[in-house]
Amino acid sequence: MPREVSLFGVLIPTLLPLFLASLLLQGLLDWALGHAGAYRRLLHPALVRLCLLVCIFSALTMGLYQ
């Protein structure tokens, strides 16, 4: 598994695209949960958003580095 990805001659760590992808997926999931009204039932919505981001990032990382 490559540790760096070459993007136009610039080496970037593999975790950076994974983090950007997890931000995009979390944004889509956050939008869907917001329209479904799930955040009205939660005590601390910001903590749930952070936990979702961490879970998505961890799942993508574990899927790549297995």
Protein backbone atom coordinates (compact mmCIF):
# COMPACT_ATOMS: atom_id res chain seq x y z
CA MET A 1 0.00 0.00 0.00
CA PRO A 2 1.48 3.37 -0.96
CA ARG A 3 2.20 5.76 1.87
CA GLU A 4 2.09 8.79 -0.44
CA VAL A 5 0.11 9.61 -3.56
CA SER A 6 1.69 11.65 -6.33
CA LEU A 7 -0.61 14.46 -7.43
CA PHE A 8 0.94 16.48 -10.26
CA GLY A 9 4.41 15.70 -8.92
CA VAL A 10 3.55 16.61 -5.33
CA LEU A 11 3.56 13.81 -2.79
CA ILE A 12 0.62 13.94 -0.39
CA PRO A 13 -0.07 11.47 2.42
CA THR A 14 -2.66 8.79 1.71
CA LEU A 15 -4.72 9.84 4.73
CA LEU A 16 -5.42 13.31 3.30
CA PRO A 17 -7.67 12.11 0.42
CA LEU A 18 -9.33 9.70 2.84
CA PHE A 19 -10.04 12.54 5.26
CA LEU A 20 -11.45 14.71 2.48
CA ALA A 21 -13.65 11.83 1.31
CA SER A 22 -14.87 11.26 4.86
CA LEU A 23 -15.71 14.98 5.15
CA LEU A 24 -17.78 14.72 1.98
CA LEU A 25 -19.56 11.55 3.14
CA GLN A 26 -20.23 13.05 6.56
CA GLY A 27 -21.64 16.18 4.95
CA LEU A 28 -24.03 14.11 2.85
CA LEU A 29 -25.07 12.02 5.85
CA ASP A 30 -25.46 15.16 7.97
CA TRP A 31 -27.70 16.69 5.32
CA ALA A 32 -29.84 13.54 5.13
CA LEU A 33 -30.17 13.28 8.91
CA GLY A 34 -31.02 16.97 9.16
CA HIS A 35 -33.82 16.66 6.61
CA ALA A 36 -35.12 13.53 8.32
CA GLY A 37 -35.35 15.41 11.62
CA ALA A 38 -33.03 13.10 13.53
CA TYR A 39 -31.13 15.95 15.19
CA ARG A 40 -34.24 17.21 16.99
CA ARG A 41 -34.29 14.06 19.11
CA LEU A 42 -30.64 14.20 20.17
CA LEU A 43 -29.22 15.87 23.24
CA HIS A 44 -25.96 17.05 21.66
CA PRO A 45 -26.07 17.13 17.81
CA ALA A 46 -22.53 18.52 17.43
CA LEU A 47 -21.09 15.55 19.30
CA VAL A 48 -23.04 13.16 17.06
CA ARG A 49 -21.66 14.94 13.98
CA LEU A 50 -18.10 14.58 15.28
CA CYS A 51 -18.63 10.90 16.12
CA LEU A 52 -19.99 10.26 12.63
CA LEU A 53 -16.92 11.88 11.09
CA VAL A 54 -14.57 9.81 13.23
CA CYS A 55 -16.44 6.58 12.43
CA ILE A 56 -16.48 7.25 8.69
CA PHE A 57 -12.78 8.19 8.64
CA SER A 58 -11.87 5.11 10.68
CA ALA A 59 -13.87 2.82 8.41
CA LEU A 60 -12.23 4.23 5.28
CA THR A 61 -8.78 3.95 6.83
CA MET A 62 -9.30 0.40 8.02
CA GLY A 63 -10.66 -0.58 4.62
CA LEU A 64 -7.59 0.82 2.87
CA TYR A 65 -4.90 -0.49 5.19
CA GLN A 66 -6.09 -4.08 5.59
